[in-house]
């Protein structure tokens, strides 16, 4: 395989998983908004501070979860590409951390 072919395959895989990550993020945001709506309807009379705290917690929850999901997928794809090219990244990291055994 040529270098251009490998680059194009990596670009397509990156786009595919990037769009998947965005779709996951939007789905999680929809769930969070629905959850917030239910919580707010149960509160009745709520202060602005309580609403702000709930919104911040939900936004942080969604961002962290989506970042973990997208990071895991991208890491797996990159590891697969490196392994296919004969670069064993886990061995390199282990040797750097624990020294050559």
PDB file of N, CA and C in Angstrom:
ATOM      1  N   UNK A   1       0.829  -1.176   0.000  1.00  0.00           N
ATOM      2  CA  UNK A   1       0.000   0.000   0.000  1.00  0.00           C
ATOM      3  C   UNK A   1       0.872   1.238   0.000  1.00  0.00           C
ATOM      4  N   UNK A   2       0.435   2.209  -0.763  1.00  0.00           N
ATOM      5  CA  UNK A   2       1.179   3.452  -0.798  1.00  0.00           C
ATOM      6  C   UNK A   2       0.882   4.309   0.412  1.00  0.00           C
ATOM      7  N   UNK A   3       1.731   5.289   0.605  1.00  0.00           N
ATOM      8  CA  UNK A   3       1.562   6.183   1.749  1.00  0.00           C
ATOM      9  C   UNK A   3       0.270   6.989   1.613  1.00  0.00           C
ATOM     10  N   UNK A   4      -0.087   7.356   0.399  1.00  0.00           N
ATOM     11  CA  UNK A   4      -1.311   8.108   0.167  1.00  0.00           C
ATOM     12  C   UNK A   4      -2.536   7.278   0.506  1.00  0.00           C
ATOM     13  N   UNK A   5      -2.502   6.002   0.171  1.00  0.00           N
ATOM     14  CA  UNK A   5      -3.632   5.126   0.459  1.00  0.00           C
ATOM     15  C   UNK A   5      -3.837   4.987   1.961  1.00  0.00           C
ATOM     16  N   UNK A   6      -2.761   4.806   2.697  1.00  0.00           N
ATOM     17  CA  UNK A   6      -2.852   4.685   4.150  1.00  0.00           C
ATOM     18  C   UNK A   6      -3.382   5.982   4.752  1.00  0.00           C
ATOM     19  N   UNK A   7      -2.930   7.120   4.224  1.00  0.00           N
ATOM     20  CA  UNK A   7      -3.407   8.413   4.706  1.00  0.00           C
ATOM     21  C   UNK A   7      -4.893   8.579   4.444  1.00  0.00           C
ATOM     22  N   UNK A   8      -5.343   8.199   3.263  1.00  0.00           N
ATOM     23  CA  UNK A   8      -6.766   8.312   2.932  1.00  0.00           C
ATOM     24  C   UNK A   8      -7.616   7.385   3.791  1.00  0.00           C
ATOM     25  N   UNK A   9      -7.130   6.177   4.022  1.00  0.00           N
ATOM     26  CA  UNK A   9      -7.866   5.244   4.881  1.00  0.00           C
ATOM     27  C   UNK A   9      -7.957   5.812   6.299  1.00  0.00           C
ATOM     28  N   UNK A  10      -6.859   6.356   6.811  1.00  0.00           N
ATOM     29  CA  UNK A  10      -6.860   6.972   8.141  1.00  0.00           C
ATOM     30  C   UNK A  10      -7.800   8.160   8.212  1.00  0.00           C
ATOM     31  N   UNK A  11      -7.840   8.969   7.148  1.00  0.00           N
ATOM     32  CA  UNK A  11      -8.740  10.112   7.105  1.00  0.00           C
ATOM     33  C   UNK A  11     -10.192   9.656   7.124  1.00  0.00           C
ATOM     34  N   UNK A  12     -10.524   8.638   6.331  1.00  0.00           N
ATOM     35  CA  UNK A  12     -11.896   8.132   6.305  1.00  0.00           C
ATOM     36  C   UNK A  12     -12.304   7.543   7.645  1.00  0.00           C
ATOM     37  N   UNK A  13     -11.411   6.790   8.260  1.00  0.00           N
ATOM     38  CA  UNK A  13     -11.722   6.206   9.574  1.00  0.00           C
ATOM     39  C   UNK A  13     -11.887   7.312  10.614  1.00  0.00           C
ATOM     40  N   UNK A  14     -11.011   8.315  10.570  1.00  0.00           N
ATOM     41  CA  UNK A  14     -11.121   9.441  11.501  1.00  0.00           C
ATOM     42  C   UNK A  14     -12.419  10.203  11.338  1.00  0.00           C
ATOM     43  N   UNK A  15     -12.814  10.453  10.084  1.00  0.00           N
ATOM     44  CA  UNK A  15     -14.085  11.135   9.836  1.00  0.00           C
ATOM     45  C   UNK A  15     -15.261  10.308  10.320  1.00  0.00           C
ATOM     46  N   UNK A  16     -15.209   9.001  10.060  1.00  0.00           N
ATOM     47  CA  UNK A  16     -16.305   8.129  10.455  1.00  0.00           C
ATOM     48  C   UNK A  16     -16.477   8.141  11.974  1.00  0.00           C
ATOM     49  N   UNK A  17     -15.379   7.965  12.705  1.00  0.00           N
ATOM     50  CA  UNK A  17     -15.489   7.933  14.153  1.00  0.00           C
ATOM     51  C   UNK A  17     -15.719   9.324  14.733  1.00  0.00           C
ATOM     52  N   UNK A  18     -15.232  10.360  14.063  1.00  0.00           N
ATOM     53  CA  UNK A  18     -15.509  11.729  14.509  1.00  0.00           C
ATOM     54  C   UNK A  18     -16.982  12.047  14.407  1.00  0.00           C
ATOM     55  N   UNK A  19     -17.602  11.660  13.280  1.00  0.00           N
ATOM     56  CA  UNK A  19     -19.041  11.877  13.124  1.00  0.00           C
ATOM     57  C   UNK A  19     -19.824  11.025  14.105  1.00  0.00           C
ATOM     58  N   UNK A  20     -19.334   9.838  14.387  1.00  0.00           N
ATOM     59  CA  UNK A  20     -19.974   8.983  15.382  1.00  0.00           C
ATOM     60  C   UNK A  20     -19.901   9.634  16.760  1.00  0.00           C
ATOM     61  N   UNK A  21     -18.774  10.237  17.070  1.00  0.00           N
ATOM     62  CA  UNK A  21     -18.622  10.921  18.353  1.00  0.00           C
ATOM     63  C   UNK A  21     -19.551  12.113  18.464  1.00  0.00           C
ATOM     64  N   UNK A  22     -19.714  12.857  17.376  1.00  0.00           N
ATOM     65  CA  UNK A  22     -20.625  14.000  17.382  1.00  0.00           C
ATOM     66  C   UNK A  22     -22.065  13.525  17.553  1.00  0.00           C
ATOM     67  N   UNK A  23     -22.425  12.436  16.867  1.00  0.00           N
ATOM     68  CA  UNK A  23     -23.774  11.895  17.016  1.00  0.00           C
ATOM     69  C   UNK A  23     -24.020  11.426  18.446  1.00  0.00           C
ATOM     70  N   UNK A  24     -23.007  10.806  19.049  1.00  0.00           N
ATOM     71  CA  UNK A  24     -23.131  10.376  20.445  1.00  0.00           C
ATOM     72  C   UNK A  24     -23.301  11.579  21.358  1.00  0.00           C
ATOM     73  N   UNK A  25     -22.536  12.634  21.106  1.00  0.00           N
ATOM     74  CA  UNK A  25     -22.637  13.841  21.911  1.00  0.00           C
ATOM     75  C   UNK A  25     -24.030  14.454  21.801  1.00  0.00           C
ATOM     76  N   UNK A  26     -24.563  14.532  20.589  1.00  0.00           N
ATOM     77  CA  UNK A  26     -25.898  15.097  20.411  1.00  0.00           C
ATOM     78  C   UNK A  26     -26.963  14.238  21.076  1.00  0.00           C
ATOM     79  N   UNK A  27     -26.800  12.939  21.011  1.00  0.00           N
ATOM     80  CA  UNK A  27     -27.741  12.048  21.673  1.00  0.00           C
ATOM     81  C   UNK A  27     -27.696  12.242  23.178  1.00  0.00           C
ATOM     82  N   UNK A  28     -26.490  12.333  23.735  1.00  0.00           N
ATOM     83  CA  UNK A  28     -26.353  12.564  25.169  1.00  0.00           C
ATOM     84  C   UNK A  28     -26.930  13.911  25.568  1.00  0.00           C
ATOM     85  N   UNK A  29     -26.717  14.939  24.736  1.00  0.00           N
ATOM     86  CA  UNK A  29     -27.281  16.257  25.030  1.00  0.00           C
ATOM     87  C   UNK A  29     -28.804  16.202  25.055  1.00  0.00           C
ATOM     88  N   UNK A  30     -29.393  15.441  24.139  1.00  0.00           N
ATOM     89  CA  UNK A  30     -30.844  15.282  24.124  1.00  0.00           C
ATOM     90  C   UNK A  30     -31.328  14.614  25.405  1.00  0.00           C
ATOM     91  N   UNK A  31     -30.625  13.574  25.834  1.00  0.00           N
ATOM     92  CA  UNK A  31     -30.993  12.896  27.081  1.00  0.00           C
ATOM     93  C   UNK A  31     -30.855  13.826  28.276  1.00  0.00           C
ATOM     94  N   UNK A  32     -29.791  14.627  28.278  1.00  0.00           N
ATOM     95  CA  UNK A  32     -29.555  15.548  29.392  1.00  0.00           C
ATOM     96  C   UNK A  32     -30.636  16.623  29.446  1.00  0.00           C
ATOM     97  N   UNK A  33     -31.012  17.149  28.283  1.00  0.00           N
ATOM     98  CA  UNK A  33     -32.056  18.175  28.257  1.00  0.00           C
ATOM     99  C   UNK A  33     -33.380  17.591  28.745  1.00  0.00           C
ATOM    100  N   UNK A  34     -33.688  16.375  28.323  1.00  0.00           N
ATOM    101  CA  UNK A  34     -34.911  15.727  28.797  1.00  0.00           C
ATOM    102  C   UNK A  34     -34.859  15.501  30.301  1.00  0.00           C
ATOM    103  N   UNK A  35     -33.713  15.057  30.790  1.00  0.00           N
ATOM    104  CA  UNK A  35     -33.539  14.835  32.224  1.00  0.00           C
ATOM    105  C   UNK A  35     -33.669  16.148  32.995  1.00  0.00           C
ATOM    106  N   UNK A  36     -33.090  17.209  32.460  1.00  0.00           N
ATOM    107  CA  UNK A  36     -33.180  18.519  33.117  1.00  0.00           C
ATOM    108  C   UNK A  36     -34.620  19.019  33.140  1.00  0.00           C
ATOM    109  N   UNK A  37     -35.337  18.780  32.054  1.00  0.00           N
ATOM    110  CA  UNK A  37     -36.734  19.208  32.001  1.00  0.00           C
ATOM    111  C   UNK A  37     -37.555  18.495  33.065  1.00  0.00           C
ATOM    112  N   UNK A  38     -37.329  17.208  33.239  1.00  0.00           N
ATOM    113  CA  UNK A  38     -38.046  16.447  34.261  1.00  0.00           C
ATOM    114  C   UNK A  38     -37.693  16.965  35.651  1.00  0.00           C
ATOM    115  N   UNK A  39     -36.404  17.196  35.888  1.00  0.00           N
ATOM    116  CA  UNK A  39     -35.979  17.686  37.203  1.00  0.00           C
ATOM    117  C   UNK A  39     -36.552  19.065  37.496  1.00  0.00           C
ATOM    118  N   UNK A  40     -36.568  19.926  36.485  1.00  0.00           N
ATOM    119  CA  UNK A  40     -37.096  21.274  36.695  1.00  0.00           C
ATOM    120  C   UNK A  40     -38.593  21.272  36.924  1.00  0.00           C
ATOM    121  N   UNK A  41     -39.289  20.386  36.253  1.00  0.00           N
ATOM    122  CA  UNK A  41     -40.742  20.330  36.465  1.00  0.00           C
ATOM    123  C   UNK A  41     -41.066  19.815  37.862  1.00  0.00           C
ATOM    124  N   UNK A  42     -40.181  18.994  38.431  1.00  0.00           N
ATOM    125  CA  UNK A  42     -40.405  18.488  39.776  1.00  0.00           C
ATOM    126  C   UNK A  42     -40.042  19.526  40.837  1.00  0.00           C
ATOM    127  N   UNK A  43     -39.178  20.459  40.512  1.00  0.00           N
ATOM    128  CA  UNK A  43     -38.767  21.457  41.487  1.00  0.00           C
ATOM    129  C   UNK A  43     -39.863  22.472  41.786  1.00  0.00           C
ATOM    130  N   UNK A  44     -40.667  22.786  40.783  1.00  0.00           N
ATOM    131  CA  UNK A  44     -41.700  23.806  40.979  1.00  0.00           C
ATOM    132  C   UNK A  44     -41.062  25.182  40.992  1.00  0.00           C
ATOM    133  N   UNK A  45     -40.975  25.782  42.158  1.00  0.00           N
ATOM    134  CA  UNK A  45     -40.368  27.102  42.294  1.00  0.00           C
ATOM    135  C   UNK A  45     -38.891  26.896  42.621  1.00  0.00           C
ATOM    136  N   UNK A  46     -38.043  27.236  41.669  1.00  0.00           N
ATOM    137  CA  UNK A  46     -36.609  27.029  41.873  1.00  0.00           C
ATOM    138  C   UNK A  46     -35.882  28.346  41.677  1.00  0.00           C
ATOM    139  N   UNK A  47     -34.835  28.525  42.409  1.00  0.00           N
ATOM    140  CA  UNK A  47     -34.051  29.752  42.270  1.00  0.00           C
ATOM    141  C   UNK A  47     -33.139  29.653  41.054  1.00  0.00           C
ATOM    142  N   UNK A  48     -32.658  30.773  40.613  1.00  0.00           N
ATOM    143  CA  UNK A  48     -31.762  30.823  39.463  1.00  0.00           C
ATOM    144  C   UNK A  48     -30.449  30.111  39.770  1.00  0.00           C
ATOM    145  N   UNK A  49     -30.000  30.181  40.987  1.00  0.00           N
ATOM    146  CA  UNK A  49     -28.753  29.536  41.371  1.00  0.00           C
ATOM    147  C   UNK A  49     -28.853  28.020  41.270  1.00  0.00           C
ATOM    148  N   UNK A  50     -29.968  27.461  41.711  1.00  0.00           N
ATOM    149  CA  UNK A  50     -30.167  26.013  41.621  1.00  0.00           C
ATOM    150  C   UNK A  50     -30.197  25.580  40.162  1.00  0.00           C
ATOM    151  N   UNK A  51     -30.874  26.341  39.325  1.00  0.00           N
ATOM    152  CA  UNK A  51     -30.934  26.024  37.895  1.00  0.00           C
ATOM    153  C   UNK A  51     -29.550  26.099  37.254  1.00  0.00           C
ATOM    154  N   UNK A  52     -28.773  27.088  37.651  1.00  0.00           N
ATOM    155  CA  UNK A  52     -27.426  27.240  37.106  1.00  0.00           C
ATOM    156  C   UNK A  52     -26.540  26.070  37.507  1.00  0.00           C
ATOM    157  N   UNK A  53     -26.614  25.647  38.750  1.00  0.00           N
ATOM    158  CA  UNK A  53     -25.813  24.521  39.223  1.00  0.00           C
ATOM    159  C   UNK A  53     -26.206  23.242  38.496  1.00  0.00           C
ATOM    160  N   UNK A  54     -27.501  23.007  38.328  1.00  0.00           N
ATOM    161  CA  UNK A  54     -27.966  21.811  37.608  1.00  0.00           C
ATOM    162  C   UNK A  54     -27.461  21.839  36.170  1.00  0.00           C
ATOM    163  N   UNK A  55     -27.546  22.987  35.514  1.00  0.00           N
ATOM    164  CA  UNK A  55     -27.086  23.098  34.125  1.00  0.00           C
ATOM    165  C   UNK A  55     -25.584  22.836  34.022  1.00  0.00           C
ATOM    166  N   UNK A  56     -24.802  23.402  34.935  1.00  0.00           N
ATOM    167  CA  UNK A  56     -23.354  23.194  34.901  1.00  0.00           C
ATOM    168  C   UNK A  56     -22.993  21.731  35.111  1.00  0.00           C
ATOM    169  N   UNK A  57     -23.647  21.077  36.053  1.00  0.00           N
ATOM    170  CA  UNK A  57     -23.370  19.664  36.308  1.00  0.00           C
ATOM    171  C   UNK A  57     -23.700  18.820  35.086  1.00  0.00           C
ATOM    172  N   UNK A  58     -24.825  19.088  34.457  1.00  0.00           N
ATOM    173  CA  UNK A  58     -25.222  18.305  33.289  1.00  0.00           C
ATOM    174  C   UNK A  58     -24.292  18.549  32.105  1.00  0.00           C
ATOM    175  N   UNK A  59     -23.873  19.793  31.908  1.00  0.00           N
ATOM    176  CA  UNK A  59     -22.967  20.100  30.794  1.00  0.00           C
ATOM    177  C   UNK A  59     -21.620  19.417  31.010  1.00  0.00           C
ATOM    178  N   UNK A  60     -21.089  19.476  32.217  1.00  0.00           N
ATOM    179  CA  UNK A  60     -19.807  18.826  32.511  1.00  0.00           C
ATOM    180  C   UNK A  60     -19.924  17.318  32.325  1.00  0.00           C
ATOM    181  N   UNK A  61     -21.037  16.743  32.776  1.00  0.00           N
ATOM    182  CA  UNK A  61     -21.255  15.295  32.634  1.00  0.00           C
ATOM    183  C   UNK A  61     -21.230  14.877  31.167  1.00  0.00           C
ATOM    184  N   UNK A  62     -21.924  15.610  30.329  1.00  0.00           N
ATOM    185  CA  UNK A  62     -21.990  15.278  28.905  1.00  0.00           C
ATOM    186  C   UNK A  62     -20.629  15.444  28.233  1.00  0.00           C
ATOM    187  N   UNK A  63     -19.926  16.524  28.550  1.00  0.00           N
ATOM    188  CA  UNK A  63     -18.636  16.762  27.908  1.00  0.00           C
ATOM    189  C   UNK A  63     -17.608  15.705  28.299  1.00  0.00           C
ATOM    190  N   UNK A  64     -17.571  15.334  29.558  1.00  0.00           N
ATOM    191  CA  UNK A  64     -16.609  14.333  30.002  1.00  0.00           C
ATOM    192  C   UNK A  64     -16.917  12.981  29.384  1.00  0.00           C
ATOM    193  N   UNK A  65     -18.174  12.590  29.405  1.00  0.00           N
ATOM    194  CA  UNK A  65     -18.559  11.292  28.855  1.00  0.00           C
ATOM    195  C   UNK A  65     -18.302  11.213  27.356  1.00  0.00           C
ATOM    196  N   UNK A  66     -18.646  12.252  26.627  1.00  0.00           N
ATOM    197  CA  UNK A  66     -18.415  12.228  25.181  1.00  0.00           C
ATOM    198  C   UNK A  66     -16.921  12.245  24.859  1.00  0.00           C
ATOM    199  N   UNK A  67     -16.129  12.976  25.644  1.00  0.00           N
ATOM    200  CA  UNK A  67     -14.686  12.990  25.418  1.00  0.00           C
ATOM    201  C   UNK A  67     -14.078  11.615  25.674  1.00  0.00           C
ATOM    202  N   UNK A  68     -14.555  10.926  26.708  1.00  0.00           N
ATOM    203  CA  UNK A  68     -14.056   9.577  26.986  1.00  0.00           C
ATOM    204  C   UNK A  68     -14.402   8.609  25.860  1.00  0.00           C
ATOM    205  N   UNK A  69     -15.618   8.691  25.376  1.00  0.00           N
ATOM    206  CA  UNK A  69     -16.051   7.789  24.309  1.00  0.00           C
ATOM    207  C   UNK A  69     -15.254   8.039  23.033  1.00  0.00           C
ATOM    208  N   UNK A  70     -15.169   9.295  22.623  1.00  0.00           N
ATOM    209  CA  UNK A  70     -14.453   9.627  21.392  1.00  0.00           C
ATOM    210  C   UNK A  70     -12.968   9.313  21.534  1.00  0.00           C
ATOM    211  N   UNK A  71     -12.389   9.594  22.686  1.00  0.00           N
ATOM    212  CA  UNK A  71     -10.978   9.290  22.910  1.00  0.00           C
ATOM    213  C   UNK A  71     -10.685   7.802  22.844  1.00  0.00           C
ATOM    214  N   UNK A  72     -11.579   6.992  23.415  1.00  0.00           N
ATOM    215  CA  UNK A  72     -11.385   5.543  23.373  1.00  0.00           C
ATOM    216  C   UNK A  72     -11.462   5.020  21.943  1.00  0.00           C
ATOM    217  N   UNK A  73     -12.389   5.529  21.184  1.00  0.00           N
ATOM    218  CA  UNK A  73     -12.542   5.078  19.796  1.00  0.00           C
ATOM    219  C   UNK A  73     -11.345   5.502  18.955  1.00  0.00           C
ATOM    220  N   UNK A  74     -10.933   6.747  19.094  1.00  0.00           N
ATOM    221  CA  UNK A  74      -9.789   7.232  18.317  1.00  0.00           C
ATOM    222  C   UNK A  74      -8.517   6.484  18.716  1.00  0.00           C
ATOM    223  N   UNK A  75      -8.350   6.231  20.017  1.00  0.00           N
ATOM    224  CA  UNK A  75      -7.189   5.473  20.472  1.00  0.00           C
ATOM    225  C   UNK A  75      -7.159   4.072  19.907  1.00  0.00           C
ATOM    226  N   UNK A  76      -8.322   3.422  19.870  1.00  0.00           N
ATOM    227  CA  UNK A  76      -8.383   2.071  19.322  1.00  0.00           C
ATOM    228  C   UNK A  76      -8.048   2.066  17.826  1.00  0.00           C
ATOM    229  N   UNK A  77      -8.564   3.042  17.103  1.00  0.00           N
ATOM    230  CA  UNK A  77      -8.297   3.119  15.661  1.00  0.00           C
ATOM    231  C   UNK A  77      -6.817   3.399  15.403  1.00  0.00           C
ATOM    232  N   UNK A  78      -6.250   4.336  16.152  1.00  0.00           N
ATOM    233  CA  UNK A  78      -4.832   4.641  15.967  1.00  0.00           C
ATOM    234  C   UNK A  78      -3.953   3.446  16.320  1.00  0.00           C
ATOM    235  N   UNK A  79      -4.308   2.734  17.376  1.00  0.00           N
ATOM    236  CA  UNK A  79      -3.546   1.537  17.748  1.00  0.00           C
ATOM    237  C   UNK A  79      -3.639   0.489  16.647  1.00  0.00           C
ATOM    238  N   UNK A  80      -4.811   0.322  16.062  1.00  0.00           N
ATOM    239  CA  UNK A  80      -4.996  -0.632  14.973  1.00  0.00           C
ATOM    240  C   UNK A  80      -4.134  -0.256  13.765  1.00  0.00           C
ATOM    241  N   UNK A  81      -4.110   1.026  13.439  1.00  0.00           N
ATOM    242  CA  UNK A  81      -3.313   1.484  12.299  1.00  0.00           C
ATOM    243  C   UNK A  81      -1.822   1.280  12.577  1.00  0.00           C
ATOM    244  N   UNK A  82      -1.389   1.622  13.794  1.00  0.00           N
ATOM    245  CA  UNK A  82       0.026   1.444  14.130  1.00  0.00           C
ATOM    246  C   UNK A  82       0.418  -0.027  14.131  1.00  0.00           C
ATOM    247  N   UNK A  83      -0.442  -0.889  14.676  1.00  0.00           N
ATOM    248  CA  UNK A  83      -0.148  -2.329  14.685  1.00  0.00           C
ATOM    249  C   UNK A  83      -0.075  -2.875  13.262  1.00  0.00           C
ATOM    250  N   UNK A  84      -0.934  -2.375  12.374  1.00  0.00           N
ATOM    251  CA  UNK A  84      -0.913  -2.838  10.983  1.00  0.00           C
ATOM    252  C   UNK A  84       0.383  -2.442  10.286  1.00  0.00           C
ATOM    253  N   UNK A  85       0.979  -1.333  10.733  1.00  0.00           N
ATOM    254  CA  UNK A  85       2.236  -0.877  10.139  1.00  0.00           C
ATOM    255  C   UNK A  85       3.460  -1.405  10.878  1.00  0.00           C
ATOM    256  N   UNK A  86       3.240  -2.300  11.836  1.00  0.00           N
ATOM    257  CA  UNK A  86       4.356  -2.926  12.534  1.00  0.00           C
ATOM    258  C   UNK A  86       4.920  -2.120  13.689  1.00  0.00           C
ATOM    259  N   UNK A  87       4.218  -1.092  14.119  1.00  0.00           N
ATOM    260  CA  UNK A  87       4.666  -0.282  15.252  1.00  0.00           C
ATOM    261  C   UNK A  87       3.874  -0.734  16.471  1.00  0.00           C
ATOM    262  N   UNK A  88       4.541  -1.321  17.421  1.00  0.00           N
ATOM    263  CA  UNK A  88       3.885  -1.845  18.619  1.00  0.00           C
ATOM    264  C   UNK A  88       4.009  -0.809  19.728  1.00  0.00           C
ATOM    265  N   UNK A  89       3.030   0.089  19.791  1.00  0.00           N
ATOM    266  CA  UNK A  89       3.109   1.254  20.670  1.00  0.00           C
ATOM    267  C   UNK A  89       3.092   0.864  22.142  1.00  0.00           C
ATOM    268  N   UNK A  90       2.348  -0.183  22.505  1.00  0.00           N
ATOM    269  CA  UNK A  90       2.314  -0.598  23.904  1.00  0.00           C
ATOM    270  C   UNK A  90       3.677  -1.102  24.369  1.00  0.00           C
ATOM    271  N   UNK A  91       4.389  -1.780  23.485  1.00  0.00           N
ATOM    272  CA  UNK A  91       5.733  -2.248  23.820  1.00  0.00           C
ATOM    273  C   UNK A  91       6.683  -1.069  24.002  1.00  0.00           C
ATOM    274  N   UNK A  92       6.548  -0.047  23.147  1.00  0.00           N
ATOM    275  CA  UNK A  92       7.396   1.138  23.241  1.00  0.00           C
ATOM    276  C   UNK A  92       7.135   1.875  24.549  1.00  0.00           C
ATOM    277  N   UNK A  93       5.863   2.033  24.894  1.00  0.00           N
ATOM    278  CA  UNK A  93       5.505   2.734  26.140  1.00  0.00           C
ATOM    279  C   UNK A  93       5.969   1.940  27.353  1.00  0.00           C
ATOM    280  N   UNK A  94       5.763   0.630  27.328  1.00  0.00           N
ATOM    281  CA  UNK A  94       6.198  -0.211  28.451  1.00  0.00           C
ATOM    282  C   UNK A  94       7.712  -0.148  28.624  1.00  0.00           C
ATOM    283  N   UNK A  95       8.436  -0.169  27.516  1.00  0.00           N
ATOM    284  CA  UNK A  95       9.890  -0.090  27.599  1.00  0.00           C
ATOM    285  C   UNK A  95      10.336   1.273  28.130  1.00  0.00           C
ATOM    286  N   UNK A  96       9.615   2.339  27.751  1.00  0.00           N
ATOM    287  CA  UNK A  96       9.977   3.665  28.227  1.00  0.00           C
ATOM    288  C   UNK A  96       9.664   3.836  29.710  1.00  0.00           C
ATOM    289  N   UNK A  97       8.556   3.258  30.168  1.00  0.00           N
ATOM    290  CA  UNK A  97       8.156   3.422  31.565  1.00  0.00           C
ATOM    291  C   UNK A  97       8.949   2.505  32.483  1.00  0.00           C
ATOM    292  N   UNK A  98       9.009   1.237  32.143  1.00  0.00           N
ATOM    293  CA  UNK A  98       9.637   0.251  33.033  1.00  0.00           C
ATOM    294  C   UNK A  98      11.075  -0.086  32.652  1.00  0.00           C
ATOM    295  N   UNK A  99      11.554   0.438  31.569  1.00  0.00           N
ATOM    296  CA  UNK A  99      12.901   0.136  31.116  1.00  0.00           C
ATOM    297  C   UNK A  99      12.918  -1.155  30.323  1.00  0.00           C
ATOM    298  N   UNK A 100      13.934  -1.360  29.582  1.00  0.00           N
ATOM    299  CA  UNK A 100      14.053  -2.570  28.757  1.00  0.00           C
ATOM    300  C   UNK A 100      14.321  -3.768  29.661  1.00  0.00           C
ATOM    301  N   UNK A 101      13.489  -4.766  29.535  1.00  0.00           N
ATOM    302  CA  UNK A 101      13.637  -5.977  30.340  1.00  0.00           C
ATOM    303  C   UNK A 101      14.144  -7.090  29.462  1.00  0.00           C
TER     304      UNK A 101
END
